[in-house]
């Protein structure tokens, strides 16, 4: 993955993380409070802005907090298919789904 693909991937994941958080009506500070500081507001914000890369293990922890599977925290397949710079994201979605024992198209 080149630098442009890496940044596109991080931006797409960050946007999805922000979308999920907002759908649940949570502020960054509320997440920090609800998790007793396990997830720091500044760190979640940096994932959402793509200033910091989220690891697979951290993505899995966030998914559990939100009541989702890790694959559901990644951008939708339609978005990935529409943007050729996100080909690595499709592969990441597939790997996460397989590791979690999920079937994904």
Protein backbone atom coordinates (compact mmCIF):
# COMPACT_ATOMS: atom_id res chain seq x y z
CA UNK A 1 0.00 0.00 0.00
CA UNK A 2 1.47 3.36 -0.98
CA UNK A 3 1.18 6.55 1.08
CA UNK A 4 -1.92 7.79 -0.79
CA UNK A 5 -3.72 4.45 -0.32
CA UNK A 6 -2.71 4.38 3.33
CA UNK A 7 -4.11 7.87 3.94
CA UNK A 8 -7.31 7.07 2.01
CA UNK A 9 -7.74 3.92 4.07
CA UNK A 10 -7.20 5.77 7.36
CA UNK A 11 -9.63 8.54 6.35
CA UNK A 12 -12.31 6.02 5.35
CA UNK A 13 -11.95 4.07 8.59
CA UNK A 14 -11.95 7.28 10.62
CA UNK A 15 -15.11 8.51 8.91
CA UNK A 16 -16.82 5.20 9.66
CA UNK A 17 -15.76 5.32 13.31
CA UNK A 18 -17.16 8.86 13.61
CA UNK A 19 -20.40 7.81 11.89
CA UNK A 20 -20.94 4.89 14.30
CA UNK A 21 -20.18 7.06 17.34
CA UNK A 22 -22.57 9.79 16.22
CA UNK A 23 -25.31 7.27 15.37
CA UNK A 24 -25.14 6.23 19.02
CA UNK A 25 -25.34 9.83 20.18
CA UNK A 26 -21.97 9.66 21.94
CA UNK A 27 -19.42 12.42 22.32
CA UNK A 28 -15.74 11.60 22.54
CA UNK A 29 -15.78 12.53 26.24
CA UNK A 30 -18.82 10.32 26.87
CA UNK A 31 -16.97 7.32 25.43
CA UNK A 32 -14.06 8.01 27.75
CA UNK A 33 -16.45 8.28 30.70
CA UNK A 34 -18.45 5.15 29.79
CA UNK A 35 -15.25 3.09 29.50
CA UNK A 36 -13.66 4.49 32.67
CA UNK A 37 -10.83 5.90 30.57
CA UNK A 38 -10.08 2.72 28.62
CA UNK A 39 -10.75 4.68 25.44
CA UNK A 40 -9.33 8.20 25.73
CA UNK A 41 -11.29 10.93 23.93
CA UNK A 42 -8.15 12.34 22.34
CA UNK A 43 -7.17 8.92 20.95
CA UNK A 44 -10.62 8.14 19.52
CA UNK A 45 -10.63 11.61 17.96
CA UNK A 46 -7.23 10.99 16.40
CA UNK A 47 -8.51 7.72 14.88
CA UNK A 48 -11.50 9.58 13.46
CA UNK A 49 -9.30 12.30 11.93
CA UNK A 50 -6.83 9.70 10.61
CA UNK A 51 -4.04 11.31 12.61
CA UNK A 52 -3.37 7.94 14.20
CA UNK A 53 -3.75 4.41 12.81
CA UNK A 54 -6.12 2.10 14.64
CA UNK A 55 -4.78 -1.40 15.22
CA UNK A 56 -6.84 -4.51 14.56
CA UNK A 57 -6.99 -5.32 18.26
CA UNK A 58 -8.14 -1.80 19.12
CA UNK A 59 -10.71 -1.95 16.32
CA UNK A 60 -12.02 -5.19 17.83
CA UNK A 61 -12.29 -3.55 21.26
CA UNK A 62 -14.16 -0.59 19.79
CA UNK A 63 -16.48 -2.92 17.92
CA UNK A 64 -17.30 -4.73 21.15
CA UNK A 65 -17.99 -1.42 22.90
CA UNK A 66 -20.35 -0.38 20.09
CA UNK A 67 -22.00 -3.81 19.95
CA UNK A 68 -20.78 -4.50 16.43
CA UNK A 69 -18.43 -6.91 14.72
CA UNK A 70 -15.03 -5.56 13.69
CA UNK A 71 -16.04 -5.80 10.02
CA UNK A 72 -19.04 -3.55 10.71
CA UNK A 73 -16.68 -0.81 11.88
CA UNK A 74 -15.00 -0.70 8.49
CA UNK A 75 -16.50 1.37 5.67
CA UNK A 76 -19.28 -0.29 3.66
CA UNK A 77 -18.24 -2.47 0.73
CA UNK A 78 -20.01 -0.12 -1.71
CA UNK A 79 -17.78 2.77 -0.65
CA UNK A 80 -14.68 0.63 -1.01
CA UNK A 81 -15.72 -0.60 -4.47
CA UNK A 82 -16.37 2.98 -5.64
CA UNK A 83 -12.89 4.20 -4.69
CA UNK A 84 -9.94 2.41 -6.33
CA UNK A 85 -7.53 3.79 -3.73
CA UNK A 86 -9.34 1.70 -1.10
CA UNK A 87 -8.50 -1.72 -2.55
CA UNK A 88 -6.46 -2.48 0.56
CA UNK A 89 -9.54 -1.72 2.63
CA UNK A 90 -11.52 -4.41 0.83
CA UNK A 91 -8.79 -6.87 1.69
CA UNK A 92 -8.79 -5.70 5.32
CA UNK A 93 -12.61 -6.12 5.52
CA UNK A 94 -12.31 -9.63 4.13
CA UNK A 95 -9.51 -10.59 6.53
CA UNK A 96 -11.37 -9.22 9.57
CA UNK A 97 -14.53 -11.08 8.56
CA UNK A 98 -12.64 -14.33 8.04
CA UNK A 99 -10.78 -14.01 11.33
CA UNK A 100 -14.07 -13.40 13.11
CA UNK A 101 -15.62 -16.43 11.42
CA UNK A 102 -18.10 -14.30 9.50
CA UNK A 103 -19.27 -14.73 5.96
CA UNK A 104 -18.94 -11.58 3.92
CA UNK A 105 -19.53 -11.05 0.22
